[in-house]
């Protein structure tokens, strides 16, 4: 099987590309290295095309894939340039779909739980959507386009609404890296972990190894659709700190400070049934086991990218 992974030097994309290669897939990566990092691909054996999705000569440059895993996107939620965000994310996706339809390739793409905004939890795929920033709006446009397009094209398209993903190979994201990574760095230095008052905000934190498995399962789907990729459990930041303390053997109390963002999601939790029904996915890692596995991985690395929370 031949796979194309866009954004393959990024966090989720690199984990996915490496796992596909490990499973025997022939993998090509497309990444312009705007936010990705070559260090994520130092053990990758396949071809890397160093271009933006919008600029690639798809007809000539890219070998025909069986499955396109579209992970490329501008993911920084603090970027407020609406035209830039929609052009890069939605128009880039449009080009991917044109290429896929021409080559009869399946498409698995990264959507986001950001489309739910502060809608009621647990978030369900068919509930009303309230994107709170340009990034979430770009993913909303992608999902709406797929809901309509899937009725008229002969290929399978599956969107994965990622909740809060964390795990290996996210260090290059710096301030956009997961709170788990950022707090780990603070606590590793013996500093009190800084979180918004009063640490009761909840997130559905899902381990990247589970997300990679969801992508591969989605590639086997016979039906198009959009599903949640989360654990089905919201974890507060206070709980997150407790779990990191347990893994690190520390007893550091949180330092609370005011939340400066007016577009902040206060409670995310995936309703997991959609993923079970369409792609047969449910998480294998509990939150505690995922944090332990991630901390073990981080501890095995001697050099980390500094992050200031």
Protein backbone atom coordinates (compact mmCIF):
# COMPACT_ATOMS: atom_id res chain seq x y z
CA UNK A 1 0.00 0.00 0.00
CA UNK A 2 1.20 3.49 -0.83
CA UNK A 3 0.43 6.41 1.48
CA UNK A 4 0.83 10.15 1.13
CA UNK A 5 1.17 12.03 4.43
CA UNK A 6 0.88 15.80 4.20
CA UNK A 7 2.34 17.67 7.15
CA UNK A 8 4.52 14.63 7.69
CA UNK A 9 7.25 16.55 9.53
CA UNK A 10 4.76 17.81 12.08
CA UNK A 11 3.66 16.30 15.36
CA UNK A 12 0.89 13.89 14.36
CA UNK A 13 2.07 13.57 10.76
CA UNK A 14 5.55 12.33 11.68
CA UNK A 15 4.22 9.79 14.17
CA UNK A 16 1.81 8.56 11.51
CA UNK A 17 4.40 8.42 8.70
CA UNK A 18 6.82 6.44 10.85
CA UNK A 19 4.17 3.97 12.01
CA UNK A 20 2.89 3.41 8.47
CA UNK A 21 6.44 2.76 7.31
CA UNK A 22 6.94 0.37 10.22
CA UNK A 23 3.82 -1.53 9.11
CA UNK A 24 5.17 -1.93 5.57
CA UNK A 25 3.50 0.94 3.74
CA UNK A 26 5.45 2.86 1.09
CA UNK A 27 5.19 6.43 2.36
CA UNK A 28 5.71 9.83 0.75
CA UNK A 29 5.71 12.96 2.91
CA UNK A 30 4.76 16.47 1.78
CA UNK A 31 5.75 19.25 4.20
CA UNK A 32 6.92 22.83 3.68
CA UNK A 33 8.58 22.83 7.14
CA UNK A 34 6.74 26.02 8.09
CA UNK A 35 5.87 24.48 11.43
CA UNK A 36 7.24 20.95 11.06
CA UNK A 37 10.73 19.83 12.08
CA UNK A 38 13.21 17.68 10.17
CA UNK A 39 14.25 16.09 13.47
CA UNK A 40 10.92 14.26 13.52
CA UNK A 41 11.91 12.42 10.33
CA UNK A 42 15.53 11.47 10.98
CA UNK A 43 14.62 7.76 10.92
CA UNK A 44 12.17 8.06 8.00
CA UNK A 45 13.19 6.14 4.86
CA UNK A 46 10.66 7.42 2.32
CA UNK A 47 10.54 10.40 -0.03
CA UNK A 48 10.08 13.91 1.36
CA UNK A 49 8.64 16.64 -0.88
CA UNK A 50 9.50 19.99 0.76
CA UNK A 51 6.61 22.10 -0.53
CA UNK A 52 3.38 23.73 0.56
CA UNK A 53 0.27 21.73 -0.34
CA UNK A 54 -0.94 24.74 -2.36
CA UNK A 55 2.26 24.84 -4.46
CA UNK A 56 2.90 21.16 -5.24
CA UNK A 57 2.63 20.08 -8.89
CA UNK A 58 0.36 17.17 -7.99
CA UNK A 59 0.19 15.68 -11.48
CA UNK A 60 3.97 15.38 -11.85
CA UNK A 61 5.62 15.48 -8.44
CA UNK A 62 3.51 13.11 -6.32
CA UNK A 63 3.29 9.33 -6.91
CA UNK A 64 -0.25 7.97 -7.00
CA UNK A 65 -1.28 6.96 -3.45
CA UNK A 66 -3.84 4.46 -2.22
CA UNK A 67 -4.56 6.66 0.82
CA UNK A 68 -3.90 10.32 1.52
CA UNK A 69 -3.50 11.19 5.20
CA UNK A 70 -3.94 14.96 5.19
CA UNK A 71 -2.39 16.37 8.35
CA UNK A 72 -0.94 19.60 6.95
CA UNK A 73 -2.43 22.77 8.41
CA UNK A 74 -1.69 26.02 10.15
CA UNK A 75 -2.64 24.93 13.68
CA UNK A 76 -1.72 27.95 15.81
CA UNK A 77 -5.05 29.10 17.28
CA UNK A 78 -3.59 32.50 18.20
CA UNK A 79 -3.16 33.45 14.51
CA UNK A 80 -6.08 35.76 13.79
CA UNK A 81 -5.41 36.45 10.08
CA UNK A 82 -8.62 34.97 8.73
CA UNK A 83 -7.75 35.10 5.02
CA UNK A 84 -4.37 33.45 5.60
CA UNK A 85 -5.87 30.69 7.77
CA UNK A 86 -8.72 29.85 5.39
CA UNK A 87 -6.46 29.95 2.33
CA UNK A 88 -3.82 27.66 3.81
CA UNK A 89 -6.17 25.18 5.44
CA UNK A 90 -9.35 25.10 3.37
CA UNK A 91 -7.94 25.83 -0.08
CA UNK A 92 -5.09 23.42 0.57
CA UNK A 93 -7.64 20.74 1.45
CA UNK A 94 -9.56 21.49 -1.75
CA UNK A 95 -6.44 20.73 -3.80
CA UNK A 96 -5.90 17.48 -1.92
CA UNK A 97 -9.45 16.36 -2.69
CA UNK A 98 -9.12 17.16 -6.40
CA UNK A 99 -5.95 15.05 -6.55
CA UNK A 100 -7.61 12.23 -4.59
CA UNK A 101 -10.70 12.11 -6.80
CA UNK A 102 -8.58 12.04 -9.97
CA UNK A 103 -6.50 9.14 -8.59
CA UNK A 104 -9.36 7.34 -6.79
CA UNK A 105 -7.48 7.54 -3.48
CA UNK A 106 -9.06 7.42 -0.04
CA UNK A 107 -8.67 10.53 2.11
CA UNK A 108 -8.29 10.67 5.88
CA UNK A 109 -7.96 14.23 7.11
CA UNK A 110 -7.39 16.08 10.36
CA UNK A 111 -10.36 18.07 11.59
CA UNK A 112 -10.57 19.51 15.10
CA UNK A 113 -12.70 19.60 18.23
CA UNK A 114 -12.25 23.36 17.92
CA UNK A 115 -15.34 23.38 15.69
CA UNK A 116 -17.50 22.81 18.80
CA UNK A 117 -16.34 25.96 20.56
CA UNK A 118 -18.06 26.14 23.91
CA UNK A 119 -20.90 23.89 22.82
CA UNK A 120 -22.20 21.46 25.46
CA UNK A 121 -20.05 18.48 26.46
CA UNK A 122 -19.78 15.68 25.62
CA UNK A 123 -19.48 17.04 22.10
CA UNK A 124 -21.40 15.08 19.45
CA UNK A 125 -20.66 15.12 15.74
CA UNK A 126 -24.17 16.24 14.78
CA UNK A 127 -24.54 19.06 17.33
CA UNK A 128 -24.51 22.74 16.40
CA UNK A 129 -21.00 24.07 15.84
CA UNK A 130 -19.48 27.28 17.25
CA UNK A 131 -15.89 27.79 15.98
CA UNK A 132 -14.25 30.48 18.13
CA UNK A 133 -11.17 31.36 16.05
CA UNK A 134 -10.00 31.32 12.41
CA UNK A 135 -8.29 27.94 12.81
CA UNK A 136 -11.48 26.28 14.07
CA UNK A 137 -13.47 28.02 11.31
CA UNK A 138 -11.13 26.62 8.64
CA UNK A 139 -11.76 23.10 9.98
CA UNK A 140 -15.50 23.82 10.10
CA UNK A 141 -15.38 24.72 6.38
CA UNK A 142 -13.54 21.47 5.61
CA UNK A 143 -16.11 19.34 7.43
CA UNK A 144 -19.08 21.08 5.81
CA UNK A 145 -17.52 20.65 2.37
CA UNK A 146 -17.02 16.92 2.99
CA UNK A 147 -20.60 16.40 4.19
CA UNK A 148 -21.78 17.68 0.80
CA UNK A 149 -19.00 16.34 -1.45
CA UNK A 150 -19.14 12.77 -0.11
CA UNK A 151 -22.63 12.37 -1.61
CA UNK A 152 -21.30 12.95 -5.13
CA UNK A 153 -17.82 11.42 -5.42
CA UNK A 154 -16.70 7.75 -5.69
CA UNK A 155 -13.97 7.94 -3.02
CA UNK A 156 -14.09 7.51 0.75
CA UNK A 157 -13.34 10.61 2.82
CA UNK A 158 -13.08 10.41 6.62
CA UNK A 159 -12.57 13.44 8.86
CA UNK A 160 -11.11 13.00 12.33
CA UNK A 161 -12.03 15.67 14.86
CA UNK A 162 -8.97 15.53 17.10
CA UNK A 163 -9.42 16.56 20.69
CA UNK A 164 -6.32 17.53 22.73
CA UNK A 165 -3.50 15.42 21.36
CA UNK A 166 -0.21 15.03 23.23
CA UNK A 167 2.84 12.83 22.98
CA UNK A 168 6.26 12.32 21.38
CA UNK A 169 7.55 14.65 18.64
CA UNK A 170 5.59 17.73 19.63
CA UNK A 171 8.53 19.67 21.14
CA UNK A 172 9.08 21.79 18.02
CA UNK A 173 5.62 23.34 18.49
CA UNK A 174 6.95 25.37 21.43
CA UNK A 175 4.09 27.46 22.87
CA UNK A 176 1.58 25.57 20.72
CA UNK A 177 2.68 22.24 22.23
CA UNK A 178 0.32 20.46 24.60
CA UNK A 179 -0.14 21.69 28.16
CA UNK A 180 1.16 18.31 29.27
CA UNK A 181 4.51 18.99 27.60
CA UNK A 182 4.67 22.60 28.78
CA UNK A 183 3.88 21.70 32.38
CA UNK A 184 6.34 18.79 32.26
CA UNK A 185 9.14 21.23 31.42
CA UNK A 186 8.22 23.56 34.25
CA UNK A 187 7.95 20.76 36.80
CA UNK A 188 11.13 19.09 35.57
CA UNK A 189 12.94 22.31 36.51
CA UNK A 190 11.34 22.26 39.96
CA UNK A 191 8.98 25.16 39.22
CA UNK A 192 5.33 25.21 40.22
CA UNK A 193 3.14 24.48 37.17
CA UNK A 194 1.29 27.60 35.97
CA UNK A 195 -2.34 27.05 34.93
CA UNK A 196 -5.40 29.25 34.46
CA UNK A 197 -7.57 29.88 37.51
CA UNK A 198 -8.51 27.57 39.09
CA UNK A 199 -7.46 24.53 37.14
CA UNK A 200 -11.00 23.24 36.75
CA UNK A 201 -11.15 23.62 32.96
CA UNK A 202 -11.46 20.21 31.34
CA UNK A 203 -9.90 18.82 28.20
CA UNK A 204 -10.23 15.47 26.49
CA UNK A 205 -6.51 14.66 26.33
CA UNK A 206 -5.74 11.86 23.88
CA UNK A 207 -2.36 10.21 23.31
CA UNK A 208 -0.81 10.54 19.86
CA UNK A 209 -0.32 6.77 19.59
CA UNK A 210 -4.10 6.35 19.79
CA UNK A 211 -4.57 9.11 17.20
CA UNK A 212 -2.21 7.35 14.80
CA UNK A 213 -4.21 4.15 15.21
CA UNK A 214 -7.44 6.06 14.50
CA UNK A 215 -5.97 7.30 11.22
CA UNK A 216 -5.00 3.80 10.11
CA UNK A 217 -8.41 2.42 11.05
CA UNK A 218 -10.08 5.26 9.13
CA UNK A 219 -8.12 4.25 6.03
CA UNK A 220 -9.98 0.92 6.13
CA UNK A 221 -13.42 2.53 6.25
CA UNK A 222 -15.88 1.78 3.45
CA UNK A 223 -18.01 4.83 4.25
CA UNK A 224 -17.32 8.54 4.35
CA UNK A 225 -18.00 10.64 7.44
CA UNK A 226 -16.66 12.79 10.23
CA UNK A 227 -15.96 11.35 13.69
CA UNK A 228 -14.58 12.43 17.05
CA UNK A 229 -11.14 11.21 18.07
CA UNK A 230 -10.95 11.54 21.84
CA UNK A 231 -11.07 9.43 24.96
CA UNK A 232 -14.63 10.27 25.98
CA UNK A 233 -13.37 11.67 29.29
CA UNK A 234 -12.62 15.26 30.27
CA UNK A 235 -9.55 15.71 32.50
CA UNK A 236 -9.09 18.90 34.50
CA UNK A 237 -5.76 20.71 34.56
CA UNK A 238 -5.58 20.03 38.28
CA UNK A 239 -5.79 16.29 37.51
CA UNK A 240 -3.16 16.75 34.82
CA UNK A 241 -0.76 18.29 37.34
CA UNK A 242 -1.43 15.46 39.78
CA UNK A 243 -0.64 12.85 37.14
CA UNK A 244 2.60 14.59 36.18
CA UNK A 245 3.57 14.78 39.85
CA UNK A 246 2.99 11.04 40.11
CA UNK A 247 5.09 10.26 37.01
CA UNK A 248 7.91 12.61 38.01
CA UNK A 249 7.89 11.78 41.73
CA UNK A 250 7.28 15.43 42.65
CA UNK A 251 4.80 17.28 44.90
CA UNK A 252 4.50 20.63 43.15
CA UNK A 253 1.35 22.70 43.72
CA UNK A 254 -0.19 24.67 40.82
CA UNK A 255 0.31 28.41 40.49
CA UNK A 256 -2.95 29.90 39.20
CA UNK A 257 -3.21 32.99 36.96
CA UNK A 258 -5.93 34.79 34.99
CA UNK A 259 -6.97 33.45 31.57
CA UNK A 260 -6.33 36.20 28.96
CA UNK A 261 -8.25 34.55 26.12
CA UNK A 262 -11.90 35.26 25.31
CA UNK A 263 -12.08 32.40 22.78
CA UNK A 264 -11.03 29.72 25.25
CA UNK A 265 -12.86 26.38 25.35
CA UNK A 266 -13.68 25.55 28.96
CA UNK A 267 -14.85 21.94 28.62
CA UNK A 268 -14.08 19.45 25.86
CA UNK A 269 -15.06 15.82 25.91
CA UNK A 270 -15.58 13.62 22.88
CA UNK A 271 -18.72 11.58 22.45
CA UNK A 272 -16.88 8.48 21.17
CA UNK A 273 -19.74 6.54 19.57
CA UNK A 274 -19.27 8.01 16.08
CA UNK A 275 -15.71 6.69 15.85
CA UNK A 276 -16.70 3.27 17.17
CA UNK A 277 -19.43 2.93 14.56
CA UNK A 278 -17.65 4.28 11.49
CA UNK A 279 -14.03 3.17 11.95
CA UNK A 280 -14.09 0.77 14.91
CA UNK A 281 -11.94 3.03 17.06
CA UNK A 282 -11.65 3.36 20.81
CA UNK A 283 -8.64 4.42 22.82
CA UNK A 284 -6.18 1.88 24.20
CA UNK A 285 -4.27 4.24 26.54
CA UNK A 286 -5.80 5.50 29.77
CA UNK A 287 -4.78 9.06 30.62
CA UNK A 288 -2.52 7.86 33.44
CA UNK A 289 -0.80 5.26 31.24
CA UNK A 290 -0.38 7.78 28.42
CA UNK A 291 1.25 10.37 30.69
CA UNK A 292 3.56 7.71 32.13
CA UNK A 293 4.55 6.50 28.66
CA UNK A 294 5.14 10.05 27.44
CA UNK A 295 7.21 11.08 30.45
CA UNK A 296 9.34 7.96 29.97
CA UNK A 297 9.93 9.02 26.35
CA UNK A 298 10.75 12.59 27.36
CA UNK A 299 13.13 11.44 30.08
CA UNK A 300 15.03 9.42 27.48
CA UNK A 301 15.72 12.64 25.53
CA UNK A 302 18.51 14.81 26.90
CA UNK A 303 17.81 17.98 24.90
CA UNK A 304 14.37 19.59 24.90
CA UNK A 305 13.08 22.74 23.26
CA UNK A 306 12.45 25.35 26.02
CA UNK A 307 8.82 26.38 26.39
CA UNK A 308 7.46 29.20 28.49
CA UNK A 309 3.87 28.73 29.58
